[in-house]
Each structure stands twice: as structure tokens, then as C-alpha cells.
Amino acid sequence: MDAFIQQLSEALKRPLPGREAQFRMAHIGRKAYMEAPEDARKAGVLILLFPREGAWHVALMERTSHNPNDRHGGQISFPGGSFDPQNDLSLLHTALREAHEEMGIAPTEVEVLGALTDLYIPVSNFHVFPFVACIRQTPIFVPQEEEVRAVLTAPFSFFTDEQSVQITELTLGGGFVLNDVPCFMVEGRVMWGATAMIMSELTAIFSSVTGNHSPVKKSV
């Protein structure tokens, strides 16, 4: 097994850095963390690593935005979605199913490395459970047209580089402006919110394996 994947798999079996690591990429409004209420909708997402040109990359997607009430339409996210109690055996099953439906990644090709800390998203009332996995070959992505506007990829090293972390201003639905938002710029798109917070924990785990420092935010 590739040394990086082996080290990451072993690190995911240890106690996770959790909320502290997530908050490094959280807007100040998220600092007062809310625990998921009982009526929160559970969701599973997949952080998929794959090899390309001698380096491990991360698969992401830009979601379509058909419904003006969709709180996450148009955002950058990992493949994933709501737990289906009729068809999903577990939240991991949810994440694998959604990666297959949204990106065309067959579950039989995926090696699951471990789970990250769960995360509650108040604005959409989702309780998200992230899973880290890899595949051994460069995939041919088949995006689901109804859900996925574009598949985006970036080297994992991009997310551990302090030059990749920026502070920006976002205009949300209704013209609401959110200032001082920590984010990653992936292929010219802003990756922020829960997706950036999940990646922040994974980079913290990477730091614990290699001794490298986690990214430091800079203003742009």
C-alpha cells in the first residue's frame, strides 16, 4: 500500500483532532458550535483520494442550483447526500452510493480508510458524517447531470499549502453579504463552509502523520 495512504489509514484509527481542526476553516459565526438536534437529517459524504500524475488528488463537485430554496445549490462539496432508511445499510453506504450516483465511482473500486468527525450544518439542518476513501487508479468521472454542474479536482498537497487558504467575501441568497470567510479556491471556485471545515480536519490529520503544519489563513 502506498506509504501516504497507509499512514493516513493508521492516523484515522487514532483519536481525531475534531472540532478544533474544523474551526480553523470556519466563519466566525460558526464558532459557537451547535450540536445536531434530534430532527436533523443525517447525511454521508465521501472524501475520495485518487492518483494522478504521481500525486494523490481529491475529488470535489460543484452542485447544480435548480431550486432557489436549496441552501447548498451551486456550492463546492464532496459527493454525498441524505441517508435513505429504505435502501442504505449505513451512513457509509450512503456516501458510497452517492459517489456512485453523482460521480460514477463504483463502490467496489473504493477502499475505505476511516471516518472523520461528524459536523452539523444549521442552515440546512443536516448532520453530516464524512468518510475518507481512496481508489487505486485515475478515475473517469461520470457526473450526474441533474445534480452535478462540474467535477473538480485538486492535489491533496494544495490543501496543506498555506498559500491556498484565503479570506473572502461572499454574497448569499437574498443579497446577504458574509465577510471574512475562510476558503480554498479550487479551479476558480470558492470552497468554504462545511466542506472546507471537513478538509481542515483531514489536513490536521496529515500534519500529525508528517509533522507538517496545517494551513494558515491569509487575507486576499
Protein backbone atom coordinates (compact mmCIF):
# COMPACT_ATOMS: atom_id res chain seq x y z
CA MET A 1 0.00 0.00 0.00
CA ASP A 2 1.21 3.50 -0.82
CA ALA A 3 3.04 4.98 2.19
CA PHE A 4 0.82 8.07 2.35
CA ILE A 5 -2.38 6.04 2.25
CA GLN A 6 -1.01 3.62 4.84
CA GLN A 7 -0.05 6.45 7.21
CA LEU A 8 -3.38 8.20 6.71
CA SER A 9 -5.30 4.98 7.35
CA GLU A 10 -3.41 4.40 10.60
CA ALA A 11 -3.89 8.03 11.69
CA LEU A 12 -7.65 7.75 11.18
CA LYS A 13 -7.73 4.95 13.75
CA ARG A 14 -6.37 7.29 16.43
CA PRO A 15 -8.33 9.99 18.30
CA LEU A 16 -9.36 12.66 15.80
CA PRO A 17 -8.50 16.39 16.10
CA GLY A 18 -12.23 17.12 15.84
CA ARG A 19 -13.92 20.50 16.25
CA GLU A 20 -10.71 22.44 16.88
CA ALA A 21 -9.37 21.41 13.48
CA GLN A 22 -12.71 22.02 11.78
CA PHE A 23 -12.95 25.55 13.19
CA ARG A 24 -9.67 26.57 11.54
CA MET A 25 -11.68 26.95 8.32
CA ALA A 26 -14.95 28.10 9.88
CA HIS A 27 -16.53 31.53 9.62
CA ILE A 28 -16.66 33.33 12.96
CA GLY A 29 -20.42 32.74 13.03
CA ARG A 30 -19.72 29.02 13.36
CA LYS A 31 -17.51 29.32 16.42
CA ALA A 32 -20.42 28.72 18.77
CA TYR A 33 -20.94 25.15 17.57
CA MET A 34 -24.45 23.73 17.72
CA GLU A 35 -24.92 20.04 18.38
CA ALA A 36 -27.24 18.32 15.94
CA PRO A 37 -30.87 18.23 17.14
CA GLU A 38 -32.84 15.00 17.07
CA ASP A 39 -34.72 16.05 13.95
CA ALA A 40 -31.56 16.75 11.93
CA ARG A 41 -31.32 14.93 8.61
CA LYS A 42 -28.36 12.55 8.56
CA ALA A 43 -26.05 12.59 5.56
CA GLY A 44 -22.94 10.73 4.47
CA VAL A 45 -20.18 12.30 2.34
CA LEU A 46 -17.06 10.79 0.77
CA ILE A 47 -13.62 12.41 0.68
CA LEU A 48 -12.20 10.47 -2.25
CA LEU A 49 -8.45 10.36 -2.88
CA PHE A 50 -7.12 9.15 -6.21
CA PRO A 51 -3.75 9.10 -8.01
CA ARG A 52 -2.95 11.44 -10.88
CA GLU A 53 0.47 12.31 -12.30
CA GLY A 54 2.32 10.83 -9.34
CA ALA A 55 0.33 12.65 -6.64
CA TRP A 56 -2.82 12.00 -4.61
CA HIS A 57 -5.75 14.20 -5.57
CA VAL A 58 -9.14 14.99 -4.01
CA ALA A 59 -12.44 14.70 -5.91
CA LEU A 60 -14.99 17.50 -5.45
CA MET A 61 -18.10 18.67 -7.24
CA GLU A 62 -19.94 21.89 -7.97
CA ARG A 63 -23.61 21.28 -7.28
CA THR A 64 -26.33 22.42 -9.63
CA SER A 65 -28.77 25.07 -8.42
CA HIS A 66 -32.29 24.41 -9.72
CA ASN A 67 -34.21 25.25 -6.57
CA PRO A 68 -33.90 28.78 -5.08
CA ASN A 69 -34.61 27.24 -1.66
CA ASP A 70 -31.68 24.82 -1.94
CA ARG A 71 -29.24 26.01 0.72
CA HIS A 72 -26.29 24.25 -0.95
CA GLY A 73 -27.02 24.72 -4.64
CA GLY A 74 -24.01 25.99 -6.57
CA GLN A 75 -21.59 25.24 -3.76
CA ILE A 76 -18.46 23.11 -3.85
CA SER A 77 -18.89 19.88 -1.93
CA PHE A 78 -17.83 16.28 -1.59
CA PRO A 79 -20.09 13.67 -3.15
CA GLY A 80 -22.76 12.71 -0.66
CA GLY A 81 -26.34 13.11 0.39
CA SER A 82 -29.17 12.18 2.72
CA PHE A 83 -29.36 8.81 4.44
CA ASP A 84 -32.08 6.69 2.85
CA PRO A 85 -33.53 4.43 5.58
CA GLN A 86 -35.24 2.26 2.95
CA ASN A 87 -32.10 1.45 0.95
CA ASP A 88 -28.96 2.43 2.89
CA LEU A 89 -27.45 -0.04 5.33
CA SER A 90 -25.33 2.67 6.98
CA LEU A 91 -24.12 6.24 6.52
CA LEU A 92 -21.00 4.84 4.84
CA HIS A 93 -23.33 3.07 2.42
CA THR A 94 -24.97 6.45 1.80
CA ALA A 95 -21.64 8.09 0.99
CA LEU A 96 -20.61 5.28 -1.38
CA ARG A 97 -24.00 5.22 -3.09
CA GLU A 98 -23.96 8.96 -3.64
CA ALA A 99 -20.39 8.91 -5.00
CA HIS A 100 -21.55 6.29 -7.48
CA GLU A 101 -24.66 8.21 -8.48
CA GLU A 102 -23.09 11.67 -8.62
CA MET A 103 -19.61 10.87 -9.98
CA GLY A 104 -19.81 7.36 -11.42
CA ILE A 105 -17.37 5.83 -8.89
CA ALA A 106 -18.25 2.18 -8.34
CA PRO A 107 -18.27 1.19 -4.64
CA THR A 108 -16.31 -1.98 -5.49
CA GLU A 109 -13.35 0.19 -6.55
CA VAL A 110 -13.26 2.14 -3.30
CA GLU A 111 -11.05 1.39 -0.28
CA VAL A 112 -12.46 3.00 2.86
CA LEU A 113 -9.72 4.37 5.12
CA GLY A 114 -11.76 5.69 8.03
CA ALA A 115 -14.18 8.33 9.27
CA LEU A 116 -13.78 11.96 10.28
CA THR A 117 -15.64 13.92 12.96
CA ASP A 118 -19.33 14.49 12.28
CA LEU A 119 -20.49 18.04 11.59
CA TYR A 120 -23.85 19.77 11.98
CA ILE A 121 -24.97 22.33 9.36
CA PRO A 122 -27.65 24.52 10.98
CA VAL A 123 -28.75 26.36 7.81
CA SER A 124 -29.95 23.11 6.19
CA ASN A 125 -30.38 21.01 9.36
CA PHE A 126 -28.01 18.32 8.07
CA HIS A 127 -25.92 16.16 10.41
CA VAL A 128 -23.00 15.19 8.16
CA PHE A 129 -20.81 12.11 8.61
CA PRO A 130 -17.62 12.25 6.46
CA PHE A 131 -15.70 9.16 5.33
CA VAL A 132 -12.22 9.08 3.79
CA ALA A 133 -11.51 6.64 0.97
CA CYS A 134 -9.21 6.06 -1.99
CA ILE A 135 -9.15 4.34 -5.34
CA ARG A 136 -6.00 2.97 -6.96
CA GLN A 137 -6.36 4.35 -10.48
CA THR A 138 -7.19 7.69 -12.02
CA PRO A 139 -10.96 7.59 -12.46
CA ILE A 140 -13.10 8.56 -15.40
CA PHE A 141 -15.75 10.65 -13.72
CA VAL A 142 -19.32 10.39 -14.98
CA PRO A 143 -21.16 13.34 -13.38
CA GLN A 144 -24.90 13.13 -12.79
CA GLU A 145 -26.25 16.00 -14.88
CA GLU A 146 -29.22 16.71 -12.60
CA GLU A 147 -27.05 17.15 -9.51
CA VAL A 148 -23.52 17.98 -10.65
CA ARG A 149 -22.57 21.03 -12.66
CA ALA A 150 -18.87 20.11 -12.71
CA VAL A 151 -16.40 17.68 -11.18
CA LEU A 152 -13.41 19.49 -9.67
CA THR A 153 -10.09 18.04 -8.55
CA ALA A 154 -7.05 19.33 -6.71
CA PRO A 155 -3.87 17.74 -5.35
CA PHE A 156 -4.11 16.91 -1.67
CA SER A 157 -0.92 18.96 -1.21
CA PHE A 158 -2.87 22.02 -2.39
CA PHE A 159 -4.95 21.92 0.79
CA THR A 160 -1.88 21.72 3.04
CA ASP A 161 -0.22 24.74 1.41
CA GLU A 162 -0.75 27.95 3.38
CA GLN A 163 -0.85 29.90 0.10
CA SER A 164 -4.05 28.05 -0.83
CA VAL A 165 -6.04 29.33 2.15
CA GLN A 166 -7.73 32.65 1.62
CA ILE A 167 -10.21 35.03 3.26
CA THR A 168 -13.00 36.26 1.03
CA GLU A 169 -16.42 37.93 0.96
CA LEU A 170 -19.50 36.01 -0.18
CA THR A 171 -22.91 37.23 -1.29
CA LEU A 172 -25.54 34.67 -0.34
CA GLY A 173 -29.24 34.31 -1.13
CA GLY A 174 -31.28 37.46 -0.64
CA GLY A 175 -28.19 39.59 -1.12
CA PHE A 176 -26.85 38.83 2.36
CA VAL A 177 -23.10 39.52 2.48
CA LEU A 178 -20.84 37.31 4.58
CA ASN A 179 -17.47 38.89 5.38
CA ASP A 180 -14.16 37.32 6.33
CA VAL A 181 -14.96 33.82 5.08
CA PRO A 182 -12.02 31.35 5.13
CA CYS A 183 -11.92 29.32 1.95
CA PHE A 184 -9.94 27.37 -0.61
CA MET A 185 -10.04 28.45 -4.27
CA VAL A 186 -10.44 25.29 -6.36
CA GLU A 187 -10.37 25.80 -10.13
CA GLY A 188 -11.55 29.35 -9.58
CA ARG A 189 -14.47 28.35 -7.33
CA VAL A 190 -14.83 29.15 -3.63
CA MET A 191 -14.79 26.08 -1.38
CA TRP A 192 -15.99 27.14 2.06
CA GLY A 193 -18.31 26.20 4.91
CA ALA A 194 -18.70 22.57 5.94
CA THR A 195 -16.63 21.26 3.02
CA ALA A 196 -13.65 23.41 3.97
CA MET A 197 -14.10 22.51 7.64
CA ILE A 198 -14.05 18.79 6.84
CA MET A 199 -10.93 19.22 4.73
CA SER A 200 -9.34 21.20 7.55
CA GLU A 201 -9.64 18.22 9.87
CA LEU A 202 -8.14 15.92 7.24
CA THR A 203 -5.16 18.24 6.76
CA ALA A 204 -4.69 18.31 10.53
CA ILE A 205 -4.52 14.51 10.48
CA PHE A 206 -1.99 14.77 7.64
CA SER A 207 0.03 17.14 9.82
CA SER A 208 0.02 14.62 12.67
CA VAL A 209 1.41 11.99 10.29
CA THR A 210 4.10 14.07 8.60
CA GLY A 211 4.89 16.81 11.11
CA ASN A 212 3.94 19.48 8.55
CA HIS A 213 2.00 22.48 9.81
CA SER A 214 -1.67 22.91 8.99
CA PRO A 215 -2.57 25.77 6.62
CA VAL A 216 -2.67 29.32 7.92
CA LYS A 217 -5.35 31.69 6.63
CA LYS A 218 -4.33 34.78 4.69
CA SER A 219 -6.42 37.71 3.51
CA VAL A 220 -6.78 38.46 -0.19
